[in-house]
Amino acid sequence: MNPISQPSSTKLRRRDWNVRLGHARDKTMLSFRRKHVPSLDPTSWQPFFCEVCVKGKCTHYQVQHWSDIPKDKALDLLFSDIMGPFNDNPLRYLHILTIHDNVSTYRFVFPLKTRKDAPAAILEKMKHLQVKLWNTLKVLHRDNV
């Protein structure tokens, strides 16, 4: 069994927790350990080198603030989210993709058989909207896609 996917009650090394918490910084990891896993053996938290963390810090860029994003015309800002899986669906659609335009308030809902179908459905709807509304998409905000 992969140590990253083991239950948290098992003995994990600091490197494993680093991966499990999305390459969080040391201060965050120690705070998480104290708060949520106090039984974790502190001797297992030895210093280590994480290449992914170093690459992430080297390519760090400033996040665009919401106030900097244009929101005046349709397709300036689209929100997208995926829900599921839903197991009791007779049509065998396990996920639902929603797309919402911030200005026009157009909303679209797509049933999907697999989560992997979401990017293709988003691209298809983006192309359709760009032709219909005579505008190009500026910002796409995705949750869980």
Protein backbone atom coordinates (compact mmCIF):
# COMPACT_ATOMS: atom_id res chain seq x y z
CA MET A 1 0.00 0.00 0.00
CA ASN A 2 1.23 3.49 -0.86
CA PRO A 3 2.25 5.30 2.38
CA ILE A 4 0.58 8.51 1.18
CA SER A 5 -2.86 6.85 0.99
CA GLN A 6 -2.62 5.02 4.34
CA PRO A 7 -4.90 6.11 7.18
CA SER A 8 -3.43 8.92 9.26
CA SER A 9 -3.26 6.74 12.38
CA THR A 10 -0.31 4.84 10.92
CA LYS A 11 3.25 6.05 11.37
CA LEU A 12 4.08 8.41 8.50
CA ARG A 13 7.34 10.20 7.90
CA ARG A 14 7.60 13.96 7.49
CA ARG A 15 8.12 13.55 3.73
CA ASP A 16 4.84 11.61 3.45
CA TRP A 17 2.94 14.32 5.34
CA ASN A 18 4.52 16.94 3.10
CA VAL A 19 3.06 15.23 0.04
CA ARG A 20 -0.27 14.52 1.74
CA LEU A 21 -0.70 18.21 2.68
CA GLY A 22 0.10 19.47 -0.81
CA HIS A 23 3.72 20.45 -0.15
CA ALA A 24 2.79 22.83 2.65
CA ARG A 25 5.52 24.78 4.39
CA ASP A 26 7.07 23.45 7.64
CA LYS A 27 5.18 25.81 9.93
CA THR A 28 1.84 24.65 8.49
CA MET A 29 2.79 20.98 8.73
CA LEU A 30 3.90 21.28 12.37
CA SER A 31 0.73 23.16 13.28
CA PHE A 32 -1.38 20.49 11.55
CA ARG A 33 0.51 17.70 13.36
CA ARG A 34 0.03 19.33 16.77
CA LYS A 35 -3.64 20.07 16.18
CA HIS A 36 -4.90 16.97 14.34
CA VAL A 37 -2.40 14.15 14.91
CA PRO A 38 -0.92 14.67 18.39
CA SER A 39 -0.15 10.95 18.69
CA LEU A 40 2.28 11.15 15.77
CA ASP A 41 5.83 10.33 16.83
CA PRO A 42 7.91 13.57 16.62
CA THR A 43 11.10 11.55 16.04
CA SER A 44 9.74 10.51 12.63
CA TRP A 45 9.85 14.19 11.57
CA GLN A 46 13.42 14.33 10.31
CA PRO A 47 14.63 17.09 7.93
CA PHE A 48 14.49 16.18 4.24
CA PHE A 49 14.87 17.72 0.78
CA CYS A 50 11.77 17.96 -1.42
CA GLU A 51 12.48 18.70 -5.08
CA VAL A 52 8.82 19.56 -5.78
CA CYS A 53 8.80 22.22 -3.03
CA VAL A 54 11.99 23.78 -4.40
CA LYS A 55 10.60 23.88 -7.96
CA GLY A 56 7.39 25.45 -6.66
CA LYS A 57 9.28 28.19 -4.84
CA CYS A 58 11.48 28.92 -7.88
CA THR A 59 8.51 29.34 -10.22
CA HIS A 60 6.34 31.28 -7.77
CA TYR A 61 4.18 33.96 -9.38
CA GLN A 62 1.86 36.53 -7.90
CA VAL A 63 -1.78 35.54 -7.86
CA GLN A 64 -4.07 37.91 -9.70
CA HIS A 65 -6.39 39.78 -7.35
CA TRP A 66 -10.15 39.67 -7.98
CA SER A 67 -10.20 43.46 -8.29
CA ASP A 68 -7.79 43.20 -11.27
CA ILE A 69 -10.06 40.84 -13.22
CA PRO A 70 -12.34 42.56 -15.76
CA LYS A 71 -16.01 41.78 -15.09
CA ASP A 72 -17.86 44.15 -17.43
CA LYS A 73 -18.83 41.99 -20.41
CA ALA A 74 -20.07 38.45 -20.90
CA LEU A 75 -17.23 35.90 -20.83
CA ASP A 76 -14.95 38.16 -18.82
CA LEU A 77 -15.27 35.71 -15.93
CA LEU A 78 -16.61 32.13 -16.00
CA PHE A 79 -16.97 29.86 -12.98
CA SER A 80 -16.89 26.09 -13.33
CA ASP A 81 -17.47 23.34 -10.79
CA ILE A 82 -17.95 19.58 -10.85
CA MET A 83 -20.03 17.53 -8.42
CA GLY A 84 -20.19 13.81 -7.84
CA PRO A 85 -19.97 10.92 -8.05
CA PHE A 86 -23.65 10.19 -7.64
CA ASN A 87 -24.17 6.44 -7.45
CA ASP A 88 -27.96 6.16 -7.66
CA ASN A 89 -28.46 7.67 -11.13
CA PRO A 90 -30.49 5.46 -13.53
CA LEU A 91 -28.92 7.16 -16.60
CA ARG A 92 -25.41 6.35 -15.31
CA TYR A 93 -24.27 9.95 -15.28
CA LEU A 94 -22.02 10.01 -12.24
CA HIS A 95 -20.95 13.68 -12.25
CA ILE A 96 -22.52 17.08 -12.92
CA LEU A 97 -20.54 19.96 -14.40
CA THR A 98 -21.82 23.51 -13.89
CA ILE A 99 -20.62 26.59 -15.78
CA HIS A 100 -21.73 30.11 -14.79
CA ASP A 101 -20.99 33.41 -16.54
CA ASN A 102 -20.54 36.22 -14.04
CA VAL A 103 -22.01 39.11 -16.10
CA SER A 104 -24.72 37.52 -18.26
CA THR A 105 -25.63 35.08 -15.45
CA TYR A 106 -25.99 32.31 -18.05
CA ARG A 107 -25.79 28.95 -16.32
CA PHE A 108 -25.14 25.60 -17.93
CA VAL A 109 -25.37 22.14 -16.42
CA PHE A 110 -23.84 19.08 -18.07
CA PRO A 111 -24.26 15.49 -16.88
CA LEU A 112 -20.99 13.58 -17.28
CA LYS A 113 -20.35 9.85 -17.21
CA THR A 114 -16.78 10.29 -15.94
CA ARG A 115 -14.83 13.11 -14.33
CA LYS A 116 -12.34 12.94 -17.22
CA ASP A 117 -15.03 14.29 -19.58
CA ALA A 118 -15.09 17.68 -17.79
CA PRO A 119 -12.22 19.47 -19.62
CA ALA A 120 -13.65 18.55 -23.04
CA ALA A 121 -17.14 19.73 -22.01
CA ILE A 122 -15.74 23.04 -20.73
CA LEU A 123 -13.78 23.63 -23.96
CA GLU A 124 -16.82 22.79 -26.08
CA LYS A 125 -19.05 25.23 -24.17
CA MET A 126 -16.36 27.95 -24.20
CA LYS A 127 -16.09 27.75 -28.01
CA HIS A 128 -19.88 27.82 -28.35
CA LEU A 129 -20.22 30.88 -26.07
CA GLN A 130 -17.39 32.79 -27.75
CA VAL A 131 -19.14 32.43 -31.13
CA LYS A 132 -22.60 33.20 -29.76
CA LEU A 133 -21.60 36.21 -27.61
CA TRP A 134 -18.88 37.64 -29.91
CA ASN A 135 -16.37 37.85 -27.10
CA THR A 136 -13.36 35.86 -25.91
CA LEU A 137 -13.05 34.29 -22.50
CA LYS A 138 -10.78 36.30 -20.18
CA VAL A 139 -10.73 34.29 -16.91
CA LEU A 140 -11.93 30.78 -16.08
CA HIS A 141 -12.23 30.01 -12.36
CA ARG A 142 -12.35 26.23 -11.80
CA ASP A 143 -13.24 24.31 -8.68
CA ASN A 144 -12.63 20.55 -8.63
CA VAL A 145 -12.18 20.34 -12.41
